[in-house]
């Protein structure tokens, strides 16, 4: 399951239901490139990927504003619980 959390210009912030993934993280799509990078939700640090580094601060700042909600959404997805009501609590786009 794929959930779009936010978007701005050519960048989309997504979260997935991924069984067996223990580190809470988000994925960034950039232009036509899916999974250009992934970032740890709890720290905002890049885990991997080739998204241009100039976007790291934008993603980290957005995560800082939305960390609690994004973590709650990630946990709900991993547990197979409803996540839709949680999306409304997210701050604006990146």
PDB file of N, CA and C in Angstrom:
ATOM      1  N   UNK A   1       0.842  -1.176   0.000  1.00  0.00           N
ATOM      2  CA  UNK A   1       0.000   0.000   0.000  1.00  0.00           C
ATOM      3  C   UNK A   1       0.886   1.238   0.000  1.00  0.00           C
ATOM      4  N   UNK A   2       0.549   2.206  -0.850  1.00  0.00           N
ATOM      5  CA  UNK A   2       1.313   3.436  -1.008  1.00  0.00           C
ATOM      6  C   UNK A   2       0.446   4.627  -0.615  1.00  0.00           C
ATOM      7  N   UNK A   3       0.987   5.509   0.223  1.00  0.00           N
ATOM      8  CA  UNK A   3       0.260   6.689   0.680  1.00  0.00           C
ATOM      9  C   UNK A   3       1.071   7.934   0.319  1.00  0.00           C
ATOM     10  N   UNK A   4       0.444   8.878  -0.380  1.00  0.00           N
ATOM     11  CA  UNK A   4       1.075  10.153  -0.684  1.00  0.00           C
ATOM     12  C   UNK A   4       0.843  11.090   0.497  1.00  0.00           C
ATOM     13  N   UNK A   5       1.933  11.556   1.107  1.00  0.00           N
ATOM     14  CA  UNK A   5       1.837  12.434   2.272  1.00  0.00           C
ATOM     15  C   UNK A   5       1.880  13.909   1.895  1.00  0.00           C
ATOM     16  N   UNK A   6       2.725  14.259   0.923  1.00  0.00           N
ATOM     17  CA  UNK A   6       2.874  15.660   0.515  1.00  0.00           C
ATOM     18  C   UNK A   6       3.556  15.699  -0.846  1.00  0.00           C
ATOM     19  N   UNK A   7       3.426  16.836  -1.524  1.00  0.00           N
ATOM     20  CA  UNK A   7       4.128  17.010  -2.792  1.00  0.00           C
ATOM     21  C   UNK A   7       4.452  18.476  -3.011  1.00  0.00           C
ATOM     22  N   UNK A   8       5.505  18.681  -3.780  1.00  0.00           N
ATOM     23  CA  UNK A   8       5.916  20.035  -4.145  1.00  0.00           C
ATOM     24  C   UNK A   8       6.736  19.962  -5.418  1.00  0.00           C
ATOM     25  N   UNK A   9       6.292  20.677  -6.416  1.00  0.00           N
ATOM     26  CA  UNK A   9       6.973  20.702  -7.708  1.00  0.00           C
ATOM     27  C   UNK A   9       7.232  19.277  -8.179  1.00  0.00           C
ATOM     28  N   UNK A  10       8.477  18.872  -8.274  1.00  0.00           N
ATOM     29  CA  UNK A  10       8.811  17.535  -8.789  1.00  0.00           C
ATOM     30  C   UNK A  10       9.024  16.494  -7.700  1.00  0.00           C
ATOM     31  N   UNK A  11       8.713  16.811  -6.453  1.00  0.00           N
ATOM     32  CA  UNK A  11       9.008  15.905  -5.350  1.00  0.00           C
ATOM     33  C   UNK A  11       7.719  15.432  -4.675  1.00  0.00           C
ATOM     34  N   UNK A  12       7.633  14.123  -4.425  1.00  0.00           N
ATOM     35  CA  UNK A  12       6.503  13.543  -3.696  1.00  0.00           C
ATOM     36  C   UNK A  12       7.047  12.794  -2.489  1.00  0.00           C
ATOM     37  N   UNK A  13       6.411  12.988  -1.345  1.00  0.00           N
ATOM     38  CA  UNK A  13       6.774  12.266  -0.126  1.00  0.00           C
ATOM     39  C   UNK A  13       5.739  11.174   0.065  1.00  0.00           C
ATOM     40  N   UNK A  14       6.220   9.942   0.136  1.00  0.00           N
ATOM     41  CA  UNK A  14       5.323   8.796   0.237  1.00  0.00           C
ATOM     42  C   UNK A  14       5.731   7.901   1.397  1.00  0.00           C
ATOM     43  N   UNK A  15       4.778   7.101   1.795  1.00  0.00           N
ATOM     44  CA  UNK A  15       5.019   6.114   2.842  1.00  0.00           C
ATOM     45  C   UNK A  15       4.342   4.828   2.394  1.00  0.00           C
ATOM     46  N   UNK A  16       4.918   3.704   2.751  1.00  0.00           N
ATOM     47  CA  UNK A  16       4.420   2.409   2.300  1.00  0.00           C
ATOM     48  C   UNK A  16       4.168   1.477   3.472  1.00  0.00           C
ATOM     49  N   UNK A  17       3.288   0.536   3.237  1.00  0.00           N
ATOM     50  CA  UNK A  17       3.119  -0.567   4.177  1.00  0.00           C
ATOM     51  C   UNK A  17       4.131  -1.618   3.748  1.00  0.00           C
ATOM     52  N   UNK A  18       5.194  -1.767   4.515  1.00  0.00           N
ATOM     53  CA  UNK A  18       6.285  -2.669   4.159  1.00  0.00           C
ATOM     54  C   UNK A  18       6.537  -3.634   5.305  1.00  0.00           C
ATOM     55  N   UNK A  19       6.106  -4.835   5.132  1.00  0.00           N
ATOM     56  CA  UNK A  19       6.319  -5.852   6.162  1.00  0.00           C
ATOM     57  C   UNK A  19       7.816  -6.135   6.294  1.00  0.00           C
ATOM     58  N   UNK A  20       8.272  -6.262   7.513  1.00  0.00           N
ATOM     59  CA  UNK A  20       9.668  -6.582   7.762  1.00  0.00           C
ATOM     60  C   UNK A  20      10.592  -5.379   7.821  1.00  0.00           C
ATOM     61  N   UNK A  21      10.085  -4.183   7.572  1.00  0.00           N
ATOM     62  CA  UNK A  21      10.910  -2.981   7.700  1.00  0.00           C
ATOM     63  C   UNK A  21      10.702  -2.436   9.108  1.00  0.00           C
ATOM     64  N   UNK A  22      11.769  -2.394   9.880  1.00  0.00           N
ATOM     65  CA  UNK A  22      11.643  -2.009  11.290  1.00  0.00           C
ATOM     66  C   UNK A  22      11.998  -0.546  11.548  1.00  0.00           C
ATOM     67  N   UNK A  23      12.711   0.079  10.628  1.00  0.00           N
ATOM     68  CA  UNK A  23      13.069   1.487  10.787  1.00  0.00           C
ATOM     69  C   UNK A  23      11.989   2.350  10.131  1.00  0.00           C
ATOM     70  N   UNK A  24      11.270   3.160  10.901  1.00  0.00           N
ATOM     71  CA  UNK A  24      10.255   4.038  10.312  1.00  0.00           C
ATOM     72  C   UNK A  24      10.905   5.017   9.327  1.00  0.00           C
ATOM     73  N   UNK A  25      10.413   5.038   8.091  1.00  0.00           N
ATOM     74  CA  UNK A  25      11.015   5.867   7.060  1.00  0.00           C
ATOM     75  C   UNK A  25       9.990   6.273   6.008  1.00  0.00           C
ATOM     76  N   UNK A  26      10.369   7.286   5.231  1.00  0.00           N
ATOM     77  CA  UNK A  26       9.557   7.744   4.108  1.00  0.00           C
ATOM     78  C   UNK A  26      10.376   7.584   2.834  1.00  0.00           C
ATOM     79  N   UNK A  27       9.682   7.624   1.706  1.00  0.00           N
ATOM     80  CA  UNK A  27      10.328   7.563   0.401  1.00  0.00           C
ATOM     81  C   UNK A  27      10.048   8.861  -0.341  1.00  0.00           C
ATOM     82  N   UNK A  28      11.010   9.277  -1.146  1.00  0.00           N
ATOM     83  CA  UNK A  28      10.859  10.462  -1.979  1.00  0.00           C
ATOM     84  C   UNK A  28      10.911  10.041  -3.440  1.00  0.00           C
ATOM     85  N   UNK A  29       9.893  10.452  -4.192  1.00  0.00           N
ATOM     86  CA  UNK A  29       9.923  10.334  -5.646  1.00  0.00           C
ATOM     87  C   UNK A  29      10.310  11.708  -6.172  1.00  0.00           C
ATOM     88  N   UNK A  30      11.176  11.735  -7.160  1.00  0.00           N
ATOM     89  CA  UNK A  30      11.642  12.998  -7.726  1.00  0.00           C
ATOM     90  C   UNK A  30      11.461  12.948  -9.237  1.00  0.00           C
ATOM     91  N   UNK A  31      10.588  13.794  -9.756  1.00  0.00           N
ATOM     92  CA  UNK A  31      10.279  13.745 -11.181  1.00  0.00           C
ATOM     93  C   UNK A  31       9.695  12.387 -11.521  1.00  0.00           C
ATOM     94  N   UNK A  32      10.265  11.742 -12.502  1.00  0.00           N
ATOM     95  CA  UNK A  32       9.798  10.407 -12.900  1.00  0.00           C
ATOM     96  C   UNK A  32      10.518   9.290 -12.155  1.00  0.00           C
ATOM     97  N   UNK A  33      11.466   9.654 -11.326  1.00  0.00           N
ATOM     98  CA  UNK A  33      12.262   8.662 -10.600  1.00  0.00           C
ATOM     99  C   UNK A  33      11.574   8.292  -9.288  1.00  0.00           C
ATOM    100  N   UNK A  34      11.124   7.056  -9.197  1.00  0.00           N
ATOM    101  CA  UNK A  34      10.528   6.579  -7.956  1.00  0.00           C
ATOM    102  C   UNK A  34      11.633   6.154  -7.006  1.00  0.00           C
ATOM    103  N   UNK A  35      11.387   6.346  -5.732  1.00  0.00           N
ATOM    104  CA  UNK A  35      12.319   5.971  -4.673  1.00  0.00           C
ATOM    105  C   UNK A  35      13.693   6.611  -4.885  1.00  0.00           C
ATOM    106  N   UNK A  36      13.698   7.914  -5.159  1.00  0.00           N
ATOM    107  CA  UNK A  36      14.953   8.638  -5.347  1.00  0.00           C
ATOM    108  C   UNK A  36      15.752   8.702  -4.051  1.00  0.00           C
ATOM    109  N   UNK A  37      15.053   8.625  -2.915  1.00  0.00           N
ATOM    110  CA  UNK A  37      15.730   8.637  -1.614  1.00  0.00           C
ATOM    111  C   UNK A  37      14.756   8.177  -0.543  1.00  0.00           C
ATOM    112  N   UNK A  38      15.312   7.770   0.577  1.00  0.00           N
ATOM    113  CA  UNK A  38      14.494   7.462   1.749  1.00  0.00           C
ATOM    114  C   UNK A  38      15.123   8.153   2.953  1.00  0.00           C
ATOM    115  N   UNK A  39      14.254   8.552   3.897  1.00  0.00           N
ATOM    116  CA  UNK A  39      14.674   9.296   5.081  1.00  0.00           C
ATOM    117  C   UNK A  39      14.068   8.664   6.323  1.00  0.00           C
ATOM    118  N   UNK A  40      14.850   8.624   7.399  1.00  0.00           N
ATOM    119  CA  UNK A  40      14.357   8.129   8.680  1.00  0.00           C
ATOM    120  C   UNK A  40      13.377   9.149   9.256  1.00  0.00           C
ATOM    121  N   UNK A  41      12.225   8.675   9.684  1.00  0.00           N
ATOM    122  CA  UNK A  41      11.206   9.580  10.229  1.00  0.00           C
ATOM    123  C   UNK A  41      11.681  10.211  11.535  1.00  0.00           C
ATOM    124  N   UNK A  42      12.300   9.431  12.395  1.00  0.00           N
ATOM    125  CA  UNK A  42      12.648   9.918  13.733  1.00  0.00           C
ATOM    126  C   UNK A  42      13.777  10.939  13.735  1.00  0.00           C
ATOM    127  N   UNK A  43      14.697  10.868  12.758  1.00  0.00           N
ATOM    128  CA  UNK A  43      15.838  11.788  12.743  1.00  0.00           C
ATOM    129  C   UNK A  43      15.829  12.752  11.566  1.00  0.00           C
ATOM    130  N   UNK A  44      15.089  12.421  10.517  1.00  0.00           N
ATOM    131  CA  UNK A  44      15.093  13.239   9.309  1.00  0.00           C
ATOM    132  C   UNK A  44      16.311  13.030   8.439  1.00  0.00           C
ATOM    133  N   UNK A  45      17.166  12.092   8.811  1.00  0.00           N
ATOM    134  CA  UNK A  45      18.390  11.844   8.049  1.00  0.00           C
ATOM    135  C   UNK A  45      18.115  10.954   6.846  1.00  0.00           C
ATOM    136  N   UNK A  46      18.854  11.221   5.767  1.00  0.00           N
ATOM    137  CA  UNK A  46      18.753  10.394   4.574  1.00  0.00           C
ATOM    138  C   UNK A  46      19.324   9.012   4.880  1.00  0.00           C
ATOM    139  N   UNK A  47      18.592   7.985   4.488  1.00  0.00           N
ATOM    140  CA  UNK A  47      19.052   6.612   4.663  1.00  0.00           C
ATOM    141  C   UNK A  47      19.824   6.177   3.427  1.00  0.00           C
ATOM    142  N   UNK A  48      19.238   6.456   2.260  1.00  0.00           N
ATOM    143  CA  UNK A  48      19.888   6.116   0.998  1.00  0.00           C
ATOM    144  C   UNK A  48      19.219   6.884  -0.127  1.00  0.00           C
ATOM    145  N   UNK A  49      19.840   6.848  -1.287  1.00  0.00           N
ATOM    146  CA  UNK A  49      19.225   7.432  -2.462  1.00  0.00           C
ATOM    147  C   UNK A  49      20.085   8.466  -3.146  1.00  0.00           C
ATOM    148  N   UNK A  50      19.625   8.879  -4.332  1.00  0.00           N
ATOM    149  CA  UNK A  50      20.386   9.833  -5.131  1.00  0.00           C
ATOM    150  C   UNK A  50      19.599  11.107  -5.434  1.00  0.00           C
ATOM    151  N   UNK A  51      18.660  11.451  -4.578  1.00  0.00           N
ATOM    152  CA  UNK A  51      17.969  12.733  -4.678  1.00  0.00           C
ATOM    153  C   UNK A  51      19.014  13.838  -4.514  1.00  0.00           C
ATOM    154  N   UNK A  52      18.964  14.901  -5.336  1.00  0.00           N
ATOM    155  CA  UNK A  52      19.937  15.981  -5.148  1.00  0.00           C
ATOM    156  C   UNK A  52      19.965  16.461  -3.689  1.00  0.00           C
ATOM    157  N   UNK A  53      21.163  16.640  -3.160  1.00  0.00           N
ATOM    158  CA  UNK A  53      21.354  17.002  -1.744  1.00  0.00           C
ATOM    159  C   UNK A  53      20.670  18.313  -1.369  1.00  0.00           C
ATOM    160  N   UNK A  54      20.419  19.171  -2.345  1.00  0.00           N
ATOM    161  CA  UNK A  54      19.789  20.459  -2.032  1.00  0.00           C
ATOM    162  C   UNK A  54      18.388  20.291  -1.452  1.00  0.00           C
ATOM    163  N   UNK A  55      17.786  19.101  -1.598  1.00  0.00           N
ATOM    164  CA  UNK A  55      16.445  18.860  -1.063  1.00  0.00           C
ATOM    165  C   UNK A  55      16.458  18.277   0.353  1.00  0.00           C
ATOM    166  N   UNK A  56      17.614  17.898   0.853  1.00  0.00           N
ATOM    167  CA  UNK A  56      17.687  17.283   2.185  1.00  0.00           C
ATOM    168  C   UNK A  56      17.071  18.170   3.266  1.00  0.00           C
ATOM    169  N   UNK A  57      17.390  19.459   3.256  1.00  0.00           N
ATOM    170  CA  UNK A  57      16.851  20.359   4.285  1.00  0.00           C
ATOM    171  C   UNK A  57      15.346  20.499   4.181  1.00  0.00           C
ATOM    172  N   UNK A  58      14.820  20.578   2.955  1.00  0.00           N
ATOM    173  CA  UNK A  58      13.369  20.678   2.776  1.00  0.00           C
ATOM    174  C   UNK A  58      12.665  19.465   3.364  1.00  0.00           C
ATOM    175  N   UNK A  59      13.180  18.287   3.050  1.00  0.00           N
ATOM    176  CA  UNK A  59      12.564  17.051   3.542  1.00  0.00           C
ATOM    177  C   UNK A  59      12.700  16.967   5.060  1.00  0.00           C
ATOM    178  N   UNK A  60      13.888  17.243   5.581  1.00  0.00           N
ATOM    179  CA  UNK A  60      14.110  17.175   7.032  1.00  0.00           C
ATOM    180  C   UNK A  60      13.241  18.176   7.789  1.00  0.00           C
ATOM    181  N   UNK A  61      13.109  19.387   7.251  1.00  0.00           N
ATOM    182  CA  UNK A  61      12.262  20.396   7.900  1.00  0.00           C
ATOM    183  C   UNK A  61      10.799  19.975   7.891  1.00  0.00           C
ATOM    184  N   UNK A  62      10.334  19.411   6.770  1.00  0.00           N
ATOM    185  CA  UNK A  62       8.952  18.940   6.704  1.00  0.00           C
ATOM    186  C   UNK A  62       8.734  17.813   7.713  1.00  0.00           C
ATOM    187  N   UNK A  63       9.705  16.906   7.794  1.00  0.00           N
ATOM    188  CA  UNK A  63       9.587  15.815   8.768  1.00  0.00           C
ATOM    189  C   UNK A  63       9.568  16.350  10.194  1.00  0.00           C
ATOM    190  N   UNK A  64      10.379  17.354  10.466  1.00  0.00           N
ATOM    191  CA  UNK A  64      10.402  17.936  11.815  1.00  0.00           C
ATOM    192  C   UNK A  64       9.024  18.491  12.189  1.00  0.00           C
ATOM    193  N   UNK A  65       8.357  19.144  11.247  1.00  0.00           N
ATOM    194  CA  UNK A  65       7.025  19.709  11.496  1.00  0.00           C
ATOM    195  C   UNK A  65       5.962  18.628  11.657  1.00  0.00           C
ATOM    196  N   UNK A  66       6.162  17.495  11.013  1.00  0.00           N
ATOM    197  CA  UNK A  66       5.123  16.466  10.927  1.00  0.00           C
ATOM    198  C   UNK A  66       5.515  15.130  11.559  1.00  0.00           C
ATOM    199  N   UNK A  67       6.630  15.110  12.274  1.00  0.00           N
ATOM    200  CA  UNK A  67       7.205  13.847  12.750  1.00  0.00           C
ATOM    201  C   UNK A  67       6.202  12.963  13.494  1.00  0.00           C
ATOM    202  N   UNK A  68       5.506  13.513  14.468  1.00  0.00           N
ATOM    203  CA  UNK A  68       4.597  12.695  15.280  1.00  0.00           C
ATOM    204  C   UNK A  68       3.495  12.071  14.430  1.00  0.00           C
ATOM    205  N   UNK A  69       2.893  12.865  13.539  1.00  0.00           N
ATOM    206  CA  UNK A  69       1.814  12.354  12.683  1.00  0.00           C
ATOM    207  C   UNK A  69       2.338  11.313  11.702  1.00  0.00           C
ATOM    208  N   UNK A  70       3.490  11.595  11.080  1.00  0.00           N
ATOM    209  CA  UNK A  70       4.049  10.662  10.098  1.00  0.00           C
ATOM    210  C   UNK A  70       4.415   9.346  10.779  1.00  0.00           C
ATOM    211  N   UNK A  71       4.983   9.412  11.959  1.00  0.00           N
ATOM    212  CA  UNK A  71       5.312   8.196  12.698  1.00  0.00           C
ATOM    213  C   UNK A  71       4.043   7.419  13.045  1.00  0.00           C
ATOM    214  N   UNK A  72       3.008   8.128  13.439  1.00  0.00           N
ATOM    215  CA  UNK A  72       1.732   7.482  13.750  1.00  0.00           C
ATOM    216  C   UNK A  72       1.136   6.809  12.502  1.00  0.00           C
ATOM    217  N   UNK A  73       1.239   7.475  11.357  1.00  0.00           N
ATOM    218  CA  UNK A  73       0.755   6.887  10.103  1.00  0.00           C
ATOM    219  C   UNK A  73       1.566   5.643   9.764  1.00  0.00           C
ATOM    220  N   UNK A  74       2.893   5.730   9.897  1.00  0.00           N
ATOM    221  CA  UNK A  74       3.762   4.584   9.596  1.00  0.00           C
ATOM    222  C   UNK A  74       3.387   3.395  10.487  1.00  0.00           C
ATOM    223  N   UNK A  75       3.216   3.641  11.777  1.00  0.00           N
ATOM    224  CA  UNK A  75       2.869   2.565  12.705  1.00  0.00           C
ATOM    225  C   UNK A  75       1.506   1.966  12.383  1.00  0.00           C
ATOM    226  N   UNK A  76       0.544   2.801  12.016  1.00  0.00           N
ATOM    227  CA  UNK A  76      -0.786   2.303  11.645  1.00  0.00           C
ATOM    228  C   UNK A  76      -0.718   1.426  10.403  1.00  0.00           C
ATOM    229  N   UNK A  77       0.038   1.864   9.410  1.00  0.00           N
ATOM    230  CA  UNK A  77       0.176   1.066   8.187  1.00  0.00           C
ATOM    231  C   UNK A  77       0.810  -0.287   8.472  1.00  0.00           C
ATOM    232  N   UNK A  78       1.865  -0.290   9.269  1.00  0.00           N
ATOM    233  CA  UNK A  78       2.557  -1.547   9.557  1.00  0.00           C
ATOM    234  C   UNK A  78       1.663  -2.507  10.334  1.00  0.00           C
ATOM    235  N   UNK A  79       0.754  -1.962  11.129  1.00  0.00           N
ATOM    236  CA  UNK A  79      -0.161  -2.789  11.923  1.00  0.00           C
ATOM    237  C   UNK A  79      -1.435  -3.138  11.154  1.00  0.00           C
ATOM    238  N   UNK A  80      -1.570  -2.602   9.926  1.00  0.00           N
ATOM    239  CA  UNK A  80      -2.764  -2.871   9.132  1.00  0.00           C
ATOM    240  C   UNK A  80      -3.999  -2.145   9.629  1.00  0.00           C
ATOM    241  N   UNK A  81      -3.803  -1.057  10.343  1.00  0.00           N
ATOM    242  CA  UNK A  81      -4.919  -0.286  10.898  1.00  0.00           C
ATOM    243  C   UNK A  81      -5.246   0.897   9.982  1.00  0.00           C
ATOM    244  N   UNK A  82      -6.438   1.487  10.123  1.00  0.00           N
ATOM    245  CA  UNK A  82      -6.818   2.636   9.293  1.00  0.00           C
ATOM    246  C   UNK A  82      -5.879   3.824   9.509  1.00  0.00           C
ATOM    247  N   UNK A  83      -5.508   4.456   8.434  1.00  0.00           N
ATOM    248  CA  UNK A  83      -4.595   5.599   8.496  1.00  0.00           C
ATOM    249  C   UNK A  83      -5.233   6.886   7.973  1.00  0.00           C
ATOM    250  N   UNK A  84      -6.336   6.773   7.260  1.00  0.00           N
ATOM    251  CA  UNK A  84      -6.949   7.925   6.597  1.00  0.00           C
ATOM    252  C   UNK A  84      -7.230   9.107   7.526  1.00  0.00           C
ATOM    253  N   UNK A  85      -7.772   8.890   8.721  1.00  0.00           N
ATOM    254  CA  UNK A  85      -8.038  10.040   9.602  1.00  0.00           C
ATOM    255  C   UNK A  85      -6.764  10.788  10.007  1.00  0.00           C
ATOM    256  N   UNK A  86      -5.636  10.112  10.002  1.00  0.00           N
ATOM    257  CA  UNK A  86      -4.379  10.730  10.420  1.00  0.00           C
ATOM    258  C   UNK A  86      -3.822  11.688   9.372  1.00  0.00           C
ATOM    259  N   UNK A  87      -4.150  11.467   8.109  1.00  0.00           N
ATOM    260  CA  UNK A  87      -3.609  12.300   7.033  1.00  0.00           C
ATOM    261  C   UNK A  87      -4.028  13.754   7.163  1.00  0.00           C
ATOM    262  N   UNK A  88      -5.199  13.995   7.706  1.00  0.00           N
ATOM    263  CA  UNK A  88      -5.705  15.363   7.835  1.00  0.00           C
ATOM    264  C   UNK A  88      -4.854  16.207   8.779  1.00  0.00           C
ATOM    265  N   UNK A  89      -4.110  15.583   9.661  1.00  0.00           N
ATOM    266  CA  UNK A  89      -3.320  16.321  10.627  1.00  0.00           C
ATOM    267  C   UNK A  89      -1.964  16.769  10.126  1.00  0.00           C
ATOM    268  N   UNK A  90      -1.615  16.439   8.874  1.00  0.00           N
ATOM    269  CA  UNK A  90      -0.302  16.811   8.353  1.00  0.00           C
ATOM    270  C   UNK A  90      -0.260  18.278   7.961  1.00  0.00           C
ATOM    271  N   UNK A  91       0.911  18.896   8.192  1.00  0.00           N
ATOM    272  CA  UNK A  91       1.116  20.283   7.775  1.00  0.00           C
ATOM    273  C   UNK A  91       1.247  20.326   6.261  1.00  0.00           C
ATOM    274  N   UNK A  92       1.298  21.529   5.714  1.00  0.00           N
ATOM    275  CA  UNK A  92       1.330  21.735   4.273  1.00  0.00           C
ATOM    276  C   UNK A  92       2.447  21.021   3.556  1.00  0.00           C
ATOM    277  N   UNK A  93       2.458  21.231   2.262  1.00  0.00           N
ATOM    278  CA  UNK A  93       3.432  20.582   1.400  1.00  0.00           C
ATOM    279  C   UNK A  93       4.840  21.051   1.715  1.00  0.00           C
ATOM    280  N   UNK A  94       5.781  20.326   1.184  1.00  0.00           N
ATOM    281  CA  UNK A  94       7.203  20.591   1.389  1.00  0.00           C
ATOM    282  C   UNK A  94       7.558  21.955   0.843  1.00  0.00           C
TER     283      UNK A  94
END
